[in-house]
Amino acid sequence: MTTGFVYLASQSPRRHELLQQIGVPFRPLGVTVDEAVREAEVAPDYVVRLALAKAEAGWQVATGARSALQAAPVLGADTAVVIDGRILGKPVDREDAERMLGELSGRTHSVLTAVAVRDAAGSAWRLSASEVSFRPITPLERRAYVDSGEPEGKAGGYAIQGYGAVFIEQLHGSYSGVMGLPVFETAELLARAGVPRWCAP
């Protein structure tokens, strides 16, 4: 038995947009989890752990509201930009954003996005890995891009679906995964949980 929708444990406009793109009925849930990287934790383990934690936190909120909500699955996701084995999180200020863009300039980095679904049967997850190559970015461009405000709240300090697209020379992998919610993997998990797609808004 399902409720015909999924709870999304994220306030991200990008994730909302991607679920709407494939016609998945959803209701957003605000959850808070500790996003600190653990000692010696590698990037794939980090994003999977956080996606599962967000889905579980959302499940606790949803099922705690009314028992009738227990059949509604919860979707969680997390994205990390990785270069030289290091995770670049969300910039803390403009200097941090400019530093990140300088690190990515003229180089190839990885973008990992894990997606998890929690329902009455337990949790399941998938991991999307992509390689993104940036052209060289001048200091003037970095400053101008940070001035746009787009790097705020973005892993690695850029948005593939926004102004940051002009920096991307090549992409090998999933565009939606880099954006923050890999559609292929997400659709697989939601199908297993009985959540419909291609529904009219």
C-alpha atoms as a PDB file:
ATOM      1  CA  MET A   1       0.000   0.000   0.000  1.00  0.00           C
ATOM      2  CA  THR A   2       1.315   3.446  -0.884  1.00  0.00           C
ATOM      3  CA  THR A   3       0.029   6.974  -0.642  1.00  0.00           C
ATOM      4  CA  GLY A   4       0.845   7.758  -4.274  1.00  0.00           C
ATOM      5  CA  PHE A   5       3.559  10.278  -3.409  1.00  0.00           C
ATOM      6  CA  VAL A   6       6.984  10.526  -1.820  1.00  0.00           C
ATOM      7  CA  TYR A   7       8.265  12.790   0.910  1.00  0.00           C
ATOM      8  CA  LEU A   8      11.402  14.644  -0.186  1.00  0.00           C
ATOM      9  CA  ALA A   9      13.759  15.247   2.729  1.00  0.00           C
ATOM     10  CA  SER A  10      15.227  18.340   1.105  1.00  0.00           C
ATOM     11  CA  GLN A  11      14.380  21.989   0.557  1.00  0.00           C
ATOM     12  CA  SER A  12      16.625  22.157  -2.534  1.00  0.00           C
ATOM     13  CA  PRO A  13      14.877  23.887  -5.463  1.00  0.00           C
ATOM     14  CA  ARG A  14      16.999  21.795  -7.856  1.00  0.00           C
ATOM     15  CA  ARG A  15      15.735  18.520  -6.397  1.00  0.00           C
ATOM     16  CA  HIS A  16      12.166  19.816  -6.447  1.00  0.00           C
ATOM     17  CA  GLU A  17      12.584  20.725 -10.122  1.00  0.00           C
ATOM     18  CA  LEU A  18      13.974  17.314 -11.075  1.00  0.00           C
ATOM     19  CA  LEU A  19      11.133  15.426  -9.390  1.00  0.00           C
ATOM     20  CA  GLN A  20       8.647  17.710 -11.138  1.00  0.00           C
ATOM     21  CA  GLN A  21      10.428  17.030 -14.439  1.00  0.00           C
ATOM     22  CA  ILE A  22       9.613  13.320 -14.257  1.00  0.00           C
ATOM     23  CA  GLY A  23       6.142  13.867 -12.825  1.00  0.00           C
ATOM     24  CA  VAL A  24       6.708  12.442  -9.347  1.00  0.00           C
ATOM     25  CA  PRO A  25       4.158  13.632  -6.762  1.00  0.00           C
ATOM     26  CA  PHE A  26       6.097  14.768  -3.688  1.00  0.00           C
ATOM     27  CA  ARG A  27       5.841  16.733  -0.490  1.00  0.00           C
ATOM     28  CA  PRO A  28       8.959  18.441   0.898  1.00  0.00           C
ATOM     29  CA  LEU A  29      10.110  17.812   4.443  1.00  0.00           C
ATOM     30  CA  GLY A  30      12.630  19.904   6.322  1.00  0.00           C
ATOM     31  CA  VAL A  31      15.228  17.753   8.078  1.00  0.00           C
ATOM     32  CA  THR A  32      18.517  18.508   9.780  1.00  0.00           C
ATOM     33  CA  VAL A  33      21.475  16.125   9.836  1.00  0.00           C
ATOM     34  CA  ASP A  34      25.116  16.622  10.778  1.00  0.00           C
ATOM     35  CA  GLU A  35      26.996  16.989   7.484  1.00  0.00           C
ATOM     36  CA  ALA A  36      30.500  16.936   8.985  1.00  0.00           C
ATOM     37  CA  VAL A  37      32.914  14.533   7.305  1.00  0.00           C
ATOM     38  CA  ARG A  38      34.094  11.815   9.665  1.00  0.00           C
ATOM     39  CA  GLU A  39      37.758  11.065  10.175  1.00  0.00           C
ATOM     40  CA  ALA A  40      39.197   8.985   7.308  1.00  0.00           C
ATOM     41  CA  GLU A  41      35.766   8.886   5.609  1.00  0.00           C
ATOM     42  CA  VAL A  42      35.976   8.645   1.825  1.00  0.00           C
ATOM     43  CA  ALA A  43      33.630  10.594  -0.432  1.00  0.00           C
ATOM     44  CA  PRO A  44      31.383   7.720  -1.640  1.00  0.00           C
ATOM     45  CA  ASP A  45      30.793   6.552   1.930  1.00  0.00           C
ATOM     46  CA  TYR A  46      30.136  10.140   3.014  1.00  0.00           C
ATOM     47  CA  VAL A  47      27.396  10.897   0.474  1.00  0.00           C
ATOM     48  CA  VAL A  48      25.707   7.510   0.943  1.00  0.00           C
ATOM     49  CA  ARG A  49      25.715   7.950   4.720  1.00  0.00           C
ATOM     50  CA  LEU A  50      24.164  11.408   4.487  1.00  0.00           C
ATOM     51  CA  ALA A  51      21.530  10.370   1.932  1.00  0.00           C
ATOM     52  CA  LEU A  52      20.486   7.497   4.189  1.00  0.00           C
ATOM     53  CA  ALA A  53      20.513   9.758   7.252  1.00  0.00           C
ATOM     54  CA  LYS A  54      18.305  12.346   5.554  1.00  0.00           C
ATOM     55  CA  ALA A  55      15.855   9.689   4.386  1.00  0.00           C
ATOM     56  CA  GLU A  56      15.728   8.186   7.880  1.00  0.00           C
ATOM     57  CA  ALA A  57      15.280  11.585   9.531  1.00  0.00           C
ATOM     58  CA  GLY A  58      12.440  12.336   7.127  1.00  0.00           C
ATOM     59  CA  TRP A  59      10.872   8.952   7.818  1.00  0.00           C
ATOM     60  CA  GLN A  60      10.868   9.666  11.545  1.00  0.00           C
ATOM     61  CA  VAL A  61       9.187  13.029  10.952  1.00  0.00           C
ATOM     62  CA  ALA A  62       6.598  11.633   8.528  1.00  0.00           C
ATOM     63  CA  THR A  63       5.631   8.564  10.507  1.00  0.00           C
ATOM     64  CA  GLY A  64       5.633  10.499  13.746  1.00  0.00           C
ATOM     65  CA  ALA A  65       2.951  12.884  12.487  1.00  0.00           C
ATOM     66  CA  ARG A  66       0.181  10.307  11.902  1.00  0.00           C
ATOM     67  CA  SER A  67       0.257   6.535  11.678  1.00  0.00           C
ATOM     68  CA  ALA A  68      -1.539   6.730   8.322  1.00  0.00           C
ATOM     69  CA  LEU A  69       1.600   8.241   6.820  1.00  0.00           C
ATOM     70  CA  GLN A  70       3.671   5.112   7.416  1.00  0.00           C
ATOM     71  CA  ALA A  71       3.149   3.909   3.846  1.00  0.00           C
ATOM     72  CA  ALA A  72       4.622   7.088   2.344  1.00  0.00           C
ATOM     73  CA  PRO A  73       8.284   6.591   1.350  1.00  0.00           C
ATOM     74  CA  VAL A  74      10.890   9.265   2.057  1.00  0.00           C
ATOM     75  CA  LEU A  75      13.583  10.283  -0.424  1.00  0.00           C
ATOM     76  CA  GLY A  76      16.937  11.670   0.700  1.00  0.00           C
ATOM     77  CA  ALA A  77      19.958  12.750  -1.338  1.00  0.00           C
ATOM     78  CA  ASP A  78      23.405  14.240  -0.902  1.00  0.00           C
ATOM     79  CA  THR A  79      25.981  15.598  -3.339  1.00  0.00           C
ATOM     80  CA  ALA A  80      29.728  16.087  -3.002  1.00  0.00           C
ATOM     81  CA  VAL A  81      32.308  17.626  -5.310  1.00  0.00           C
ATOM     82  CA  VAL A  82      35.628  15.795  -5.004  1.00  0.00           C
ATOM     83  CA  ILE A  83      39.087  16.813  -6.203  1.00  0.00           C
ATOM     84  CA  ASP A  84      42.408  15.258  -5.220  1.00  0.00           C
ATOM     85  CA  GLY A  85      40.450  12.970  -2.910  1.00  0.00           C
ATOM     86  CA  ARG A  86      39.100  15.932  -0.929  1.00  0.00           C
ATOM     87  CA  ILE A  87      35.438  16.802  -0.514  1.00  0.00           C
ATOM     88  CA  LEU A  88      34.535  20.363  -1.412  1.00  0.00           C
ATOM     89  CA  GLY A  89      31.404  21.249   0.500  1.00  0.00           C
ATOM     90  CA  LYS A  90      29.323  24.403   0.327  1.00  0.00           C
ATOM     91  CA  PRO A  91      31.414  27.587   0.494  1.00  0.00           C
ATOM     92  CA  VAL A  92      31.246  29.364   3.842  1.00  0.00           C
ATOM     93  CA  ASP A  93      31.865  32.810   2.322  1.00  0.00           C
ATOM     94  CA  ARG A  94      32.872  34.519  -0.929  1.00  0.00           C
ATOM     95  CA  GLU A  95      36.594  33.934  -0.356  1.00  0.00           C
ATOM     96  CA  ASP A  96      35.927  30.237   0.109  1.00  0.00           C
ATOM     97  CA  ALA A  97      33.849  30.165  -3.098  1.00  0.00           C
ATOM     98  CA  GLU A  98      36.616  31.864  -5.073  1.00  0.00           C
ATOM     99  CA  ARG A  99      39.160  29.429  -3.636  1.00  0.00           C
ATOM    100  CA  MET A 100      37.050  26.439  -4.696  1.00  0.00           C
ATOM    101  CA  LEU A 101      36.612  27.779  -8.214  1.00  0.00           C
ATOM    102  CA  GLY A 102      40.365  28.310  -8.395  1.00  0.00           C
ATOM    103  CA  GLU A 103      40.947  24.672  -7.426  1.00  0.00           C
ATOM    104  CA  LEU A 104      38.502  23.446 -10.080  1.00  0.00           C
ATOM    105  CA  SER A 105      39.802  25.780 -12.803  1.00  0.00           C
ATOM    106  CA  GLY A 106      41.313  23.921 -15.775  1.00  0.00           C
ATOM    107  CA  ARG A 107      40.925  20.535 -14.089  1.00  0.00           C
ATOM    108  CA  THR A 108      38.627  17.507 -13.900  1.00  0.00           C
ATOM    109  CA  HIS A 109      36.760  16.716 -10.701  1.00  0.00           C
ATOM    110  CA  SER A 110      34.239  14.129  -9.567  1.00  0.00           C
ATOM    111  CA  VAL A 111      30.652  14.764  -8.521  1.00  0.00           C
ATOM    112  CA  LEU A 112      29.048  12.067  -6.391  1.00  0.00           C
ATOM    113  CA  THR A 113      25.353  12.067  -5.597  1.00  0.00           C
ATOM    114  CA  ALA A 114      23.772   9.398  -3.447  1.00  0.00           C
ATOM    115  CA  VAL A 115      20.014   8.943  -3.316  1.00  0.00           C
ATOM    116  CA  ALA A 116      18.169   6.867  -0.722  1.00  0.00           C
ATOM    117  CA  VAL A 117      14.570   5.827  -0.164  1.00  0.00           C
ATOM    118  CA  ARG A 118      13.225   4.806   3.225  1.00  0.00           C
ATOM    119  CA  ASP A 119       9.886   3.028   3.485  1.00  0.00           C
ATOM    120  CA  ALA A 120       8.225   0.432   5.697  1.00  0.00           C
ATOM    121  CA  ALA A 121      10.434  -2.283   4.179  1.00  0.00           C
ATOM    122  CA  GLY A 122      13.657  -0.479   5.088  1.00  0.00           C
ATOM    123  CA  SER A 123      16.191   1.611   3.171  1.00  0.00           C
ATOM    124  CA  ALA A 124      17.673   1.288  -0.306  1.00  0.00           C
ATOM    125  CA  TRP A 125      20.198   3.519  -2.029  1.00  0.00           C
ATOM    126  CA  ARG A 126      22.029   4.206  -5.281  1.00  0.00           C
ATOM    127  CA  LEU A 127      25.176   6.198  -6.084  1.00  0.00           C
ATOM    128  CA  SER A 128      25.755   8.317  -9.194  1.00  0.00           C
ATOM    129  CA  ALA A 129      29.342   9.258 -10.124  1.00  0.00           C
ATOM    130  CA  SER A 130      30.209  11.828 -12.791  1.00  0.00           C
ATOM    131  CA  GLU A 131      33.390  13.489 -14.061  1.00  0.00           C
ATOM    132  CA  VAL A 132      33.275  17.211 -14.834  1.00  0.00           C
ATOM    133  CA  SER A 133      36.072  19.098 -16.627  1.00  0.00           C
ATOM    134  CA  PHE A 134      36.361  22.863 -16.183  1.00  0.00           C
ATOM    135  CA  ARG A 135      38.084  25.166 -18.607  1.00  0.00           C
ATOM    136  CA  PRO A 136      40.513  27.641 -17.050  1.00  0.00           C
ATOM    137  CA  ILE A 137      38.668  30.370 -15.096  1.00  0.00           C
ATOM    138  CA  THR A 138      40.292  33.768 -14.704  1.00  0.00           C
ATOM    139  CA  PRO A 139      40.343  35.530 -11.315  1.00  0.00           C
ATOM    140  CA  LEU A 140      38.060  38.211 -12.778  1.00  0.00           C
ATOM    141  CA  GLU A 141      35.525  35.563 -13.837  1.00  0.00           C
ATOM    142  CA  ARG A 142      35.682  33.937 -10.420  1.00  0.00           C
ATOM    143  CA  ARG A 143      34.929  37.232  -8.702  1.00  0.00           C
ATOM    144  CA  ALA A 144      32.107  38.051 -11.114  1.00  0.00           C
ATOM    145  CA  TYR A 145      30.552  34.611 -10.661  1.00  0.00           C
ATOM    146  CA  VAL A 146      30.688  34.868  -6.894  1.00  0.00           C
ATOM    147  CA  ASP A 147      29.124  38.337  -7.169  1.00  0.00           C
ATOM    148  CA  SER A 148      26.134  36.708  -8.889  1.00  0.00           C
ATOM    149  CA  GLY A 149      25.335  34.884  -5.649  1.00  0.00           C
ATOM    150  CA  GLU A 150      24.970  31.534  -7.411  1.00  0.00           C
ATOM    151  CA  PRO A 151      27.767  29.682  -5.550  1.00  0.00           C
ATOM    152  CA  GLU A 152      25.991  30.117  -2.212  1.00  0.00           C
ATOM    153  CA  GLY A 153      24.704  26.800  -0.900  1.00  0.00           C
ATOM    154  CA  LYS A 154      26.171  24.803  -3.820  1.00  0.00           C
ATOM    155  CA  ALA A 155      28.580  21.921  -3.353  1.00  0.00           C
ATOM    156  CA  GLY A 156      31.875  22.928  -4.914  1.00  0.00           C
ATOM    157  CA  GLY A 157      30.640  26.500  -5.283  1.00  0.00           C
ATOM    158  CA  TYR A 158      28.945  26.197  -8.682  1.00  0.00           C
ATOM    159  CA  ALA A 159      25.663  25.254 -10.349  1.00  0.00           C
ATOM    160  CA  ILE A 160      25.671  23.262 -13.590  1.00  0.00           C
ATOM    161  CA  GLN A 161      22.118  24.409 -14.357  1.00  0.00           C
ATOM    162  CA  GLY A 162      22.976  28.086 -13.933  1.00  0.00           C
ATOM    163  CA  TYR A 163      25.675  30.582 -14.845  1.00  0.00           C
ATOM    164  CA  GLY A 164      28.302  28.014 -13.869  1.00  0.00           C
ATOM    165  CA  ALA A 165      27.533  26.029 -17.028  1.00  0.00           C
ATOM    166  CA  VAL A 166      29.904  28.283 -18.982  1.00  0.00           C
ATOM    167  CA  PHE A 167      32.878  26.795 -17.112  1.00  0.00           C
ATOM    168  CA  ILE A 168      32.110  23.183 -18.047  1.00  0.00           C
ATOM    169  CA  GLU A 169      34.132  21.871 -20.965  1.00  0.00           C
ATOM    170  CA  GLN A 170      33.132  18.218 -20.668  1.00  0.00           C
ATOM    171  CA  LEU A 171      30.767  16.074 -18.636  1.00  0.00           C
ATOM    172  CA  HIS A 172      30.966  12.301 -18.372  1.00  0.00           C
ATOM    173  CA  GLY A 173      28.084  10.931 -16.370  1.00  0.00           C
ATOM    174  CA  SER A 174      24.741  12.252 -15.203  1.00  0.00           C
ATOM    175  CA  TYR A 175      23.721  15.886 -15.700  1.00  0.00           C
ATOM    176  CA  SER A 176      20.904  15.485 -13.174  1.00  0.00           C
ATOM    177  CA  GLY A 177      23.316  13.793 -10.778  1.00  0.00           C
ATOM    178  CA  VAL A 178      25.625  16.805 -10.905  1.00  0.00           C
ATOM    179  CA  MET A 179      22.567  18.999 -10.437  1.00  0.00           C
ATOM    180  CA  GLY A 180      21.777  17.139  -7.222  1.00  0.00           C
ATOM    181  CA  LEU A 181      19.362  14.272  -7.936  1.00  0.00           C
ATOM    182  CA  PRO A 182      20.247  11.556 -10.478  1.00  0.00           C
ATOM    183  CA  VAL A 183      16.972  10.920 -12.291  1.00  0.00           C
ATOM    184  CA  PHE A 184      17.780   7.383 -13.492  1.00  0.00           C
ATOM    185  CA  GLU A 185      18.724   6.048 -10.052  1.00  0.00           C
ATOM    186  CA  THR A 186      15.936   7.983  -8.355  1.00  0.00           C
ATOM    187  CA  ALA A 187      13.298   6.575 -10.715  1.00  0.00           C
ATOM    188  CA  GLU A 188      14.542   3.032 -10.056  1.00  0.00           C
ATOM    189  CA  LEU A 189      14.247   3.430  -6.298  1.00  0.00           C
ATOM    190  CA  LEU A 190      10.845   5.112  -6.459  1.00  0.00           C
ATOM    191  CA  ALA A 191       9.477   2.415  -8.778  1.00  0.00           C
ATOM    192  CA  ARG A 192      10.510  -0.245  -6.264  1.00  0.00           C
ATOM    193  CA  ALA A 193       8.746   1.741  -3.538  1.00  0.00           C
ATOM    194  CA  GLY A 194       5.556   1.990  -5.615  1.00  0.00           C
ATOM    195  CA  VAL A 195       5.721   5.749  -6.190  1.00  0.00           C
ATOM    196  CA  PRO A 196       4.178   6.805  -9.524  1.00  0.00           C
ATOM    197  CA  ARG A 197       5.840   9.031 -12.109  1.00  0.00           C
ATOM    198  CA  TRP A 198       4.743  10.878 -15.247  1.00  0.00           C
ATOM    199  CA  CYS A 199       1.843  12.359 -13.292  1.00  0.00           C
ATOM    200  CA  ALA A 200       0.340  15.609 -14.510  1.00  0.00           C
ATOM    201  CA  PRO A 201       1.026  18.553 -12.159  1.00  0.00           C
END
